[in-house]
Amino acid sequence: MSVDFKNMIAKRYYTENLRIAFPVILSFAGQQFVQVMDTIMVGRLGAVELSAVSLSSAIITNITMIGLGIAMALTPLTGYHFARNEKSQCNVLFRNSLLLNIIMSVALCGLLFAINPMLRLFGQPQSVLDALDGYYYSVTLSLIPYLIFLTFKQYLEGLGNTFYSMLITLGCNVLNIFLNIGFIYGYMGFPELGVTGAGVATLISRIMMPIAFIIIIFIKKEFKPYFRRQRDNETTSQQVLVDSLTCRLVDLLKVGFPIAAQMTLELFSLTFMTIMMGWLGEKTLAANQIAQTMIGFSFMIANGVASASTILVSHDYGRKDINSIKNHAYSAIHLGIAIMICFALLYAFGGEFLARIFSTDEDVIAIATKLFMVVALFEIFDGTQVTALGALRGLTDVKRPMYYALICYILVEIPVGYILGFPLGLGAIGIVGGFMAGLILAATLFLLRFRKLMRAMGE
């Protein structure tokens, strides 16, 4: 009887993770699906155009991670106070995060505009550089509405609601694909803009995302207590309110900056990997875009489970329920591994089929097929590291993972990838092999860190 009871409890934790994760997975998958469709549609224009999107995406995504990391701090902090029924603290966190994210979005746009002329210094093919400007600048401008949207998204996820962000994301993704068809190829009366059209479609669809969230929040009454400004009777004085606002801004930065740094370090390694692929030529760079698009797709699925882990663990942490922290975290890790095993099999046995969806160039297909074989080897480690990291974020343990990211992605991944790719002559396979080495080490360190925290909390 006791065994059945334990199994029932275990199933509850898996079910709760899936219930929270499913809308997030659909949201993430929808975002990545748009990237997949961008790659497919642009890939039909040629290898140069596909390489332009690859290089632009690598740079922009890396910088976007700074803003995304800062925005993600809102979820565990809100989740902690939501579990304690502290609505006013949740509201203060939201207002601070919105202000912070608007400032960050403008600053990041300025940074990306300054980076663009310097791309000429990284030894990339001139034909690629000539093709990327329109796409690059359009997607850069889209960061402002996107980070405003993320403020609403991360806040509602902290409250345990992942449905509306999924609904908005999927709706705007459909709009993005529709606009892609029009602006890239000039169908349905749209101007034919080629690569630039993909960027314009992204900008328009991202402008609609925060607008849709504002409409939903205005209509749905259940959210009003969490968006209502503090009244005077909720604080003992105006100074207390000012101190609370300042304190929450500091909390967001203390949690958000290490998350941003960790994510930026990981994406920087991918960016440098893309740059190294460019040294091998346009076709290798195009094949790398195909592989990274699919890596991103499978990662986003596992990342949905990781986000659920962050939400549930933060709620457990607010209630000081150590047993639930452990079980929600480990069930998420198991789910992440199971998902990535499925993708590993897909990449190992269907790599060539996937490559042919993206490109008609036989050389690009051949290179991408080989890359998929290496990707299949590290998918399990990728799923493990992201879900373990999600649990650590739920505990607001973010500083140590930042240091681990520096070790894994900068001090291990990049040097190993370079050595395997060039001095040892393995080319693109060796560069991706360096990424695998970093992921294996990251999965190990994040798991060990979580187990250490559980022991310290009295597991």
Protein backbone atom coordinates (compact mmCIF):
# COMPACT_ATOMS: atom_id res chain seq x y z
CA MET A 1 0.00 0.00 0.00
CA SER A 2 2.84 2.35 0.86
CA VAL A 3 4.49 1.71 -2.48
CA ASP A 4 1.34 2.66 -4.39
CA PHE A 5 1.00 5.83 -2.31
CA LYS A 6 4.57 6.86 -3.12
CA ASN A 7 4.01 6.22 -6.81
CA MET A 8 0.85 8.34 -6.70
CA ILE A 9 2.79 11.21 -5.12
CA ALA A 10 5.53 10.89 -7.75
CA LYS A 11 2.96 11.07 -10.55
CA ARG A 12 1.51 14.22 -9.00
CA TYR A 13 4.83 16.04 -9.32
CA TYR A 14 5.25 15.00 -12.95
CA THR A 15 1.66 16.02 -13.69
CA GLU A 16 2.07 19.43 -12.05
CA ASN A 17 5.26 20.07 -14.01
CA LEU A 18 3.55 19.12 -17.26
CA ARG A 19 0.47 21.20 -16.49
CA ILE A 20 2.59 24.33 -16.01
CA ALA A 21 5.12 23.41 -18.69
CA PHE A 22 2.72 22.56 -21.53
CA PRO A 23 1.66 26.15 -22.35
CA VAL A 24 5.28 27.32 -21.95
CA ILE A 25 6.47 24.54 -24.25
CA LEU A 26 3.90 25.52 -26.87
CA SER A 27 4.95 29.15 -26.49
CA PHE A 28 8.66 28.38 -26.81
CA ALA A 29 8.07 25.89 -29.59
CA GLY A 30 5.98 28.47 -31.41
CA GLN A 31 8.77 31.04 -31.14
CA GLN A 32 11.31 28.55 -32.41
CA PHE A 33 8.95 27.38 -35.14
CA VAL A 34 8.94 30.92 -36.48
CA GLN A 35 12.74 30.78 -36.53
CA VAL A 36 12.50 27.46 -38.37
CA MET A 37 10.10 28.98 -40.91
CA ASP A 38 12.36 32.02 -41.31
CA THR A 39 15.26 29.69 -42.02
CA ILE A 40 13.27 27.60 -44.49
CA MET A 41 11.85 30.61 -46.35
CA VAL A 42 15.13 32.51 -46.46
CA GLY A 43 17.00 29.30 -47.29
CA ARG A 44 15.03 29.14 -50.54
CA LEU A 45 16.61 32.45 -51.53
CA GLY A 46 20.13 30.96 -51.41
CA ALA A 47 23.10 30.14 -49.17
CA VAL A 48 24.22 33.79 -48.91
CA GLU A 49 20.82 34.93 -47.63
CA LEU A 50 20.65 32.02 -45.18
CA SER A 51 24.14 32.86 -43.92
CA ALA A 52 23.08 36.49 -43.43
CA VAL A 53 20.21 35.40 -41.18
CA SER A 54 22.56 33.00 -39.34
CA LEU A 55 25.14 35.67 -38.57
CA SER A 56 22.54 38.32 -37.66
CA SER A 57 20.63 35.92 -35.42
CA ALA A 58 23.80 34.84 -33.65
CA ILE A 59 24.72 38.43 -32.73
CA ILE A 60 21.20 39.66 -31.90
CA THR A 61 20.23 36.60 -29.88
CA ASN A 62 23.39 36.86 -27.83
CA ILE A 63 22.67 40.48 -26.89
CA THR A 64 18.97 39.73 -26.36
CA MET A 65 19.96 37.23 -23.66
CA ILE A 66 21.06 40.14 -21.48
CA GLY A 67 17.56 41.60 -21.51
CA LEU A 68 15.91 38.19 -21.29
CA GLY A 69 17.96 37.25 -18.25
CA ILE A 70 17.05 40.47 -16.45
CA ALA A 71 13.38 39.91 -17.30
CA MET A 72 13.46 36.30 -16.06
CA ALA A 73 14.34 37.44 -12.54
CA LEU A 74 10.73 38.54 -12.15
CA THR A 75 9.36 34.97 -12.21
CA PRO A 76 11.04 33.40 -9.14
CA LEU A 77 10.77 36.61 -7.09
CA THR A 78 7.08 36.97 -7.92
CA GLY A 79 6.50 33.26 -7.31
CA TYR A 80 8.01 33.50 -3.84
CA HIS A 81 5.70 36.36 -2.77
CA PHE A 82 2.68 34.88 -4.59
CA ALA A 83 3.01 31.71 -2.49
CA ARG A 84 2.97 33.94 0.61
CA ASN A 85 -0.11 35.89 -0.67
CA GLU A 86 1.84 39.17 -0.70
CA LYS A 87 0.04 40.91 -3.58
CA SER A 88 1.51 44.34 -2.93
CA GLN A 89 5.07 42.99 -3.16
CA CYS A 90 4.19 41.25 -6.42
CA ASN A 91 2.87 44.54 -7.81
CA VAL A 92 5.99 46.47 -6.78
CA LEU A 93 8.15 43.85 -8.49
CA PHE A 94 6.14 44.17 -11.71
CA ARG A 95 6.41 47.96 -11.90
CA ASN A 96 10.13 47.89 -11.22
CA SER A 97 10.67 45.18 -13.81
CA LEU A 98 8.68 47.05 -16.46
CA LEU A 99 10.76 50.19 -15.97
CA LEU A 100 14.00 48.22 -15.93
CA ASN A 101 13.13 46.28 -19.08
CA ILE A 102 12.19 49.39 -21.05
CA ILE A 103 15.53 50.97 -20.16
CA MET A 104 17.37 47.74 -21.01
CA SER A 105 15.62 47.37 -24.38
CA VAL A 106 16.63 50.85 -25.51
CA ALA A 107 20.21 50.34 -24.30
CA LEU A 108 20.51 46.97 -26.05
CA CYS A 109 19.20 48.43 -29.31
CA GLY A 110 21.87 51.10 -29.12
CA LEU A 111 24.52 48.46 -28.48
CA LEU A 112 23.41 46.34 -31.44
CA PHE A 113 23.38 49.37 -33.75
CA ALA A 114 26.97 50.07 -32.67
CA ILE A 115 28.04 46.44 -33.20
CA ASN A 116 26.81 46.16 -36.79
CA PRO A 117 29.70 48.10 -38.45
CA MET A 118 32.21 46.00 -36.49
CA LEU A 119 31.01 42.73 -38.06
CA ARG A 120 33.41 43.51 -40.92
CA LEU A 121 36.28 42.82 -38.53
CA PHE A 122 35.37 39.14 -37.93
CA GLY A 123 36.47 37.74 -41.26
CA GLN A 124 32.98 36.94 -42.58
CA PRO A 125 32.25 36.67 -46.33
CA GLN A 126 31.56 40.09 -47.86
CA SER A 127 28.50 38.79 -49.72
CA VAL A 128 26.92 37.83 -46.38
CA LEU A 129 27.68 41.22 -44.83
CA ASP A 130 26.13 43.01 -47.81
CA ALA A 131 22.86 41.06 -47.39
CA LEU A 132 22.21 41.33 -43.66
CA ASP A 133 21.62 45.02 -42.82
CA GLY A 134 17.85 45.24 -43.38
CA TYR A 135 17.15 42.07 -41.41
CA TYR A 136 19.60 43.01 -38.67
CA TYR A 137 18.19 46.49 -37.99
CA SER A 138 14.54 45.41 -38.12
CA VAL A 139 15.01 42.59 -35.62
CA THR A 140 17.10 44.88 -33.42
CA LEU A 141 14.24 47.40 -33.15
CA SER A 142 11.85 44.58 -32.26
CA LEU A 143 13.68 44.13 -28.94
CA ILE A 144 11.82 47.09 -27.41
CA PRO A 145 8.28 45.64 -27.70
CA TYR A 146 9.63 42.13 -27.04
CA LEU A 147 11.13 42.99 -23.64
CA ILE A 148 7.96 44.83 -22.65
CA PHE A 149 6.04 41.65 -23.54
CA LEU A 150 8.48 39.58 -21.49
CA THR A 151 7.72 41.70 -18.41
CA PHE A 152 4.06 40.68 -18.58
CA LYS A 153 4.93 37.09 -19.48
CA GLN A 154 7.41 36.51 -16.64
CA TYR A 155 5.11 38.21 -14.13
CA LEU A 156 2.09 36.06 -14.95
CA GLU A 157 4.27 32.95 -14.92
CA GLY A 158 5.38 33.90 -11.41
CA LEU A 159 1.67 33.97 -10.52
CA GLY A 160 1.41 30.44 -11.92
CA ASN A 161 -0.41 31.40 -15.13
CA THR A 162 1.29 30.31 -18.35
CA PHE A 163 -1.79 30.14 -20.59
CA TYR A 164 -2.12 33.73 -21.80
CA SER A 165 1.53 34.14 -22.76
CA MET A 166 1.16 30.96 -24.81
CA LEU A 167 -2.00 32.28 -26.46
CA ILE A 168 -0.39 35.60 -27.39
CA THR A 169 2.85 34.03 -28.57
CA LEU A 170 1.13 31.49 -30.81
CA GLY A 171 -1.20 34.11 -32.25
CA CYS A 172 1.63 36.50 -33.05
CA ASN A 173 3.70 33.64 -34.46
CA VAL A 174 0.93 32.90 -36.95
CA LEU A 175 0.94 36.59 -37.85
CA ASN A 176 4.73 36.47 -38.25
CA ILE A 177 4.58 33.54 -40.65
CA PHE A 178 1.81 35.23 -42.67
CA LEU A 179 3.86 38.43 -42.89
CA ASN A 180 6.97 36.40 -43.81
CA ILE A 181 5.22 34.96 -46.84
CA GLY A 182 4.18 38.43 -47.93
CA PHE A 183 7.31 40.45 -47.24
CA ILE A 184 9.96 37.89 -48.25
CA TYR A 185 8.44 36.83 -51.58
CA GLY A 186 6.11 39.78 -52.35
CA TYR A 187 2.90 37.74 -52.23
CA MET A 188 -0.61 39.06 -51.44
CA GLY A 189 0.22 42.60 -52.51
CA PHE A 190 3.17 43.02 -50.12
CA PRO A 191 6.46 44.50 -51.35
CA GLU A 192 9.13 41.87 -52.09
CA LEU A 193 11.88 42.58 -49.54
CA GLY A 194 13.78 39.28 -49.44
CA VAL A 195 15.85 38.81 -46.27
CA THR A 196 14.79 42.25 -44.98
CA GLY A 197 11.16 41.11 -45.18
CA ALA A 198 11.76 38.44 -42.54
CA GLY A 199 13.03 41.13 -40.18
CA VAL A 200 10.09 43.46 -40.88
CA ALA A 201 7.66 40.61 -40.18
CA THR A 202 9.36 39.97 -36.83
CA LEU A 203 9.17 43.65 -35.88
CA ILE A 204 5.44 43.97 -36.64
CA SER A 205 4.48 40.74 -34.86
CA ARG A 206 6.50 41.68 -31.76
CA ILE A 207 4.81 45.09 -31.57
CA MET A 208 1.49 43.26 -31.32
CA MET A 209 2.62 41.06 -28.40
CA PRO A 210 2.58 43.61 -25.54
CA ILE A 211 -0.54 45.23 -27.00
CA ALA A 212 -2.35 41.89 -26.79
CA PHE A 213 -1.21 41.40 -23.18
CA ILE A 214 -2.50 44.82 -22.13
CA ILE A 215 -5.90 44.02 -23.65
CA ILE A 216 -6.12 40.68 -21.85
CA ILE A 217 -5.15 42.16 -18.48
CA PHE A 218 -7.70 44.94 -18.91
CA ILE A 219 -10.45 42.38 -19.64
CA LYS A 220 -9.58 39.69 -17.05
CA LYS A 221 -10.66 40.74 -13.55
CA GLU A 222 -8.68 38.04 -11.72
CA PHE A 223 -5.42 39.83 -12.53
CA LYS A 224 -6.43 43.28 -11.28
CA PRO A 225 -5.29 42.78 -7.63
CA TYR A 226 -1.80 41.95 -8.93
CA PHE A 227 -1.58 45.01 -11.20
CA ARG A 228 -3.22 47.53 -8.87
CA ARG A 229 -0.92 50.20 -7.49
CA GLN A 230 -0.25 50.19 -3.75
CA ARG A 231 -2.64 52.26 -1.70
CA ASP A 232 -1.57 54.40 1.20
CA ASN A 233 -2.92 51.97 3.78
CA GLU A 234 -0.64 49.25 2.46
CA THR A 235 2.43 51.17 3.63
CA THR A 236 3.18 53.04 6.83
CA SER A 237 4.69 55.99 5.00
CA GLN A 238 5.75 57.29 1.62
CA GLN A 239 9.37 56.60 2.57
CA VAL A 240 8.55 52.94 3.15
CA LEU A 241 7.14 52.77 -0.37
CA VAL A 242 10.25 54.39 -1.85
CA ASP A 243 12.48 52.01 0.11
CA SER A 244 10.41 49.05 -1.10
CA LEU A 245 10.68 50.15 -4.73
CA THR A 246 14.44 50.63 -4.43
CA CYS A 247 14.84 47.30 -2.66
CA ARG A 248 12.87 45.45 -5.35
CA LEU A 249 14.87 47.06 -8.14
CA VAL A 250 18.04 45.84 -6.43
CA ASP A 251 16.52 42.35 -6.00
CA LEU A 252 15.66 42.19 -9.70
CA LEU A 253 19.21 43.13 -10.64
CA LYS A 254 20.78 40.78 -8.09
CA VAL A 255 18.84 37.84 -9.51
CA GLY A 256 18.56 39.04 -13.11
CA PHE A 257 22.15 40.00 -13.79
CA PRO A 258 23.64 36.56 -13.03
CA ILE A 259 20.88 34.92 -15.11
CA ALA A 260 21.64 37.32 -17.95
CA ALA A 261 25.37 36.69 -17.59
CA GLN A 262 24.91 32.90 -17.60
CA MET A 263 22.68 33.00 -20.67
CA THR A 264 24.92 35.50 -22.45
CA LEU A 265 28.00 33.37 -21.84
CA GLU A 266 26.25 30.33 -23.29
CA LEU A 267 25.00 32.26 -26.30
CA PHE A 268 28.39 33.94 -26.75
CA SER A 269 29.92 30.51 -27.13
CA LEU A 270 27.32 29.70 -29.80
CA THR A 271 28.03 33.04 -31.47
CA PHE A 272 31.76 32.34 -31.54
CA MET A 273 30.98 28.88 -32.84
CA THR A 274 29.04 30.54 -35.69
CA ILE A 275 31.97 32.87 -36.36
CA MET A 276 34.33 29.87 -36.54
CA MET A 277 31.90 28.16 -38.93
CA GLY A 278 32.11 31.29 -41.11
CA TRP A 279 35.86 30.78 -41.38
CA LEU A 280 35.06 27.50 -43.16
CA GLY A 281 32.90 29.20 -45.81
CA GLU A 282 29.34 30.12 -46.75
CA LYS A 283 28.08 26.55 -47.07
CA THR A 284 29.36 25.53 -43.65
CA LEU A 285 27.80 28.64 -42.13
CA ALA A 286 24.49 27.84 -43.80
CA ALA A 287 24.63 24.23 -42.55
CA ASN A 288 25.40 25.51 -39.06
CA GLN A 289 22.27 27.70 -39.21
CA ILE A 290 20.18 24.62 -39.99
CA ALA A 291 21.71 22.65 -37.11
CA GLN A 292 21.43 25.52 -34.63
CA THR A 293 17.82 26.14 -35.60
CA MET A 294 16.92 22.57 -34.69
CA ILE A 295 19.12 22.62 -31.58
CA GLY A 296 17.22 25.71 -30.51
CA PHE A 297 13.89 24.00 -31.20
CA SER A 298 14.64 20.97 -29.02
CA PHE A 299 16.23 23.18 -26.36
CA MET A 300 13.10 25.33 -26.16
CA ILE A 301 10.96 22.25 -25.48
CA ALA A 302 13.20 21.25 -22.57
CA ASN A 303 13.38 24.89 -21.51
CA GLY A 304 9.59 24.88 -21.16
CA VAL A 305 9.93 22.14 -18.55
CA ALA A 306 12.74 24.12 -16.91
CA SER A 307 10.47 27.17 -16.69
CA ALA A 308 7.80 25.08 -15.01
CA SER A 309 10.42 23.89 -12.55
CA THR A 310 11.39 27.50 -11.78
CA ILE A 311 7.74 28.43 -11.13
CA LEU A 312 6.88 25.43 -8.96
CA VAL A 313 10.15 25.46 -7.04
CA SER A 314 9.75 29.19 -6.33
CA HIS A 315 6.26 28.53 -4.92
CA ASP A 316 7.61 25.67 -2.81
CA TYR A 317 10.46 27.89 -1.66
CA GLY A 318 7.98 30.57 -0.56
CA ARG A 319 6.14 27.93 1.48
CA LYS A 320 9.43 26.41 2.74
CA ASP A 321 8.33 22.98 1.50
CA ILE A 322 11.69 21.22 1.03
CA ASN A 323 10.23 17.88 -0.03
CA SER A 324 8.19 19.48 -2.83
CA ILE A 325 11.21 21.48 -4.00
CA LYS A 326 13.17 18.28 -4.43
CA ASN A 327 10.39 16.34 -6.13
CA HIS A 328 9.33 19.11 -8.50
CA ALA A 329 12.97 19.63 -9.50
CA TYR A 330 13.86 15.99 -10.10
CA SER A 331 10.63 15.24 -11.96
CA ALA A 332 11.42 18.17 -14.28
CA ILE A 333 14.93 16.86 -14.88
CA HIS A 334 13.54 13.40 -15.74
CA LEU A 335 11.04 14.94 -18.16
CA GLY A 336 13.78 17.04 -19.78
CA ILE A 337 15.95 13.97 -20.33
CA ALA A 338 13.04 11.99 -21.82
CA ILE A 339 12.24 14.80 -24.27
CA MET A 340 15.84 15.12 -25.40
CA ILE A 341 16.20 11.37 -25.95
CA CYS A 342 13.37 11.63 -28.49
CA PHE A 343 15.11 14.50 -30.29
CA ALA A 344 18.45 12.68 -30.22
CA LEU A 345 16.87 9.77 -32.08
CA LEU A 346 15.29 12.17 -34.59
CA TYR A 347 18.61 13.88 -35.32
CA ALA A 348 20.57 10.63 -35.50
CA PHE A 349 18.24 8.88 -37.94
CA GLY A 350 16.51 11.79 -39.66
CA GLY A 351 19.27 14.38 -39.98
CA GLU A 352 19.45 14.31 -43.76
CA PHE A 353 15.66 14.54 -44.08
CA LEU A 354 15.65 17.61 -41.80
CA ALA A 355 18.50 19.22 -43.74
CA ARG A 356 16.62 18.82 -47.04
CA ILE A 357 13.64 20.68 -45.59
CA PHE A 358 15.85 23.73 -45.07
CA SER A 359 18.06 23.70 -48.17
CA THR A 360 18.34 22.36 -51.71
CA ASP A 361 22.14 22.79 -51.81
CA GLU A 362 23.68 19.29 -51.67
CA ASP A 363 26.89 20.52 -50.03
CA VAL A 364 24.94 22.30 -47.29
CA ILE A 365 22.79 19.19 -46.76
CA ALA A 366 25.84 16.93 -46.46
CA ILE A 367 27.51 19.16 -43.85
CA ALA A 368 24.29 19.62 -41.86
CA THR A 369 23.68 15.85 -41.80
CA LYS A 370 27.08 15.29 -40.19
CA LEU A 371 26.44 18.04 -37.66
CA PHE A 372 23.14 16.41 -36.66
CA MET A 373 25.00 13.22 -35.74
CA VAL A 374 27.08 15.14 -33.19
CA VAL A 375 24.02 17.02 -31.94
CA ALA A 376 22.31 13.69 -31.23
CA LEU A 377 25.15 12.79 -28.86
CA PHE A 378 24.71 15.79 -26.55
CA GLU A 379 20.92 16.29 -26.46
CA ILE A 380 20.53 14.40 -23.14
CA PHE A 381 23.14 16.60 -21.47
CA ASP A 382 21.47 19.72 -22.85
CA GLY A 383 18.13 18.65 -21.37
CA THR A 384 19.75 17.85 -18.03
CA GLN A 385 21.61 21.14 -17.67
CA VAL A 386 18.66 23.38 -18.57
CA THR A 387 16.16 21.68 -16.23
CA ALA A 388 18.63 21.55 -13.33
CA LEU A 389 19.32 25.22 -13.95
CA GLY A 390 15.57 25.93 -13.89
CA ALA A 391 15.34 24.45 -10.39
CA LEU A 392 18.30 26.53 -9.20
CA ARG A 393 16.62 29.69 -10.50
CA GLY A 394 13.49 28.80 -8.56
CA LEU A 395 15.66 28.96 -5.43
CA THR A 396 17.13 32.26 -6.73
CA ASP A 397 20.53 30.52 -6.70
CA VAL A 398 21.94 32.25 -9.75
CA LYS A 399 25.44 33.49 -8.92
CA ARG A 400 27.20 30.09 -8.79
CA PRO A 401 25.65 28.92 -12.11
CA MET A 402 26.99 32.13 -13.68
CA TYR A 403 30.53 31.13 -12.67
CA TYR A 404 29.91 27.59 -13.91
CA ALA A 405 28.80 29.02 -17.27
CA LEU A 406 32.06 30.95 -17.56
CA ILE A 407 34.01 27.74 -17.00
CA CYS A 408 31.90 25.49 -19.24
CA TYR A 409 31.10 27.74 -22.19
CA ILE A 410 34.10 30.05 -22.36
CA LEU A 411 37.06 28.25 -20.81
CA VAL A 412 36.12 24.77 -22.07
CA GLU A 413 33.75 24.92 -25.03
CA ILE A 414 35.42 27.58 -27.19
CA PRO A 415 39.04 26.35 -26.81
CA VAL A 416 38.05 22.70 -27.29
CA GLY A 417 35.93 23.58 -30.33
CA TYR A 418 38.77 25.58 -31.87
CA ILE A 419 41.40 22.90 -31.21
CA LEU A 420 39.21 20.10 -32.58
CA GLY A 421 38.04 22.16 -35.53
CA PHE A 422 41.31 23.66 -36.78
CA PRO A 423 44.61 22.32 -35.35
CA LEU A 424 43.20 18.77 -35.31
CA GLY A 425 41.45 19.30 -38.66
CA LEU A 426 37.94 18.08 -37.77
CA GLY A 427 36.33 21.23 -39.16
CA ALA A 428 32.63 21.81 -38.40
CA ILE A 429 32.34 18.49 -36.54
CA GLY A 430 35.12 19.51 -34.17
CA ILE A 431 33.58 22.92 -33.48
CA VAL A 432 30.29 21.30 -32.47
CA GLY A 433 32.27 18.77 -30.44
CA GLY A 434 33.54 21.63 -28.30
CA PHE A 435 29.92 22.64 -27.61
CA MET A 436 29.22 19.09 -26.47
CA ALA A 437 32.13 19.19 -24.02
CA GLY A 438 30.77 22.37 -22.45
CA LEU A 439 27.26 20.94 -22.10
CA ILE A 440 28.47 17.75 -20.42
CA LEU A 441 30.40 19.72 -17.83
CA ALA A 442 27.51 22.16 -17.27
CA ALA A 443 25.00 19.34 -16.68
CA THR A 444 27.34 17.79 -14.12
CA LEU A 445 28.01 21.02 -12.23
CA PHE A 446 24.37 22.18 -12.11
CA LEU A 447 23.20 18.81 -10.79
CA LEU A 448 25.90 18.74 -8.12
CA ARG A 449 24.98 22.29 -7.08
CA PHE A 450 21.30 21.42 -6.65
CA ARG A 451 22.10 18.34 -4.58
CA LYS A 452 24.37 20.42 -2.37
CA LEU A 453 21.62 22.98 -1.75
CA MET A 454 19.14 20.25 -0.89
CA ARG A 455 21.52 18.83 1.69
CA ALA A 456 22.08 22.31 3.14
CA MET A 457 18.31 22.88 3.41
CA GLY A 458 17.84 19.62 5.29
CA GLU A 459 16.86 17.13 2.58
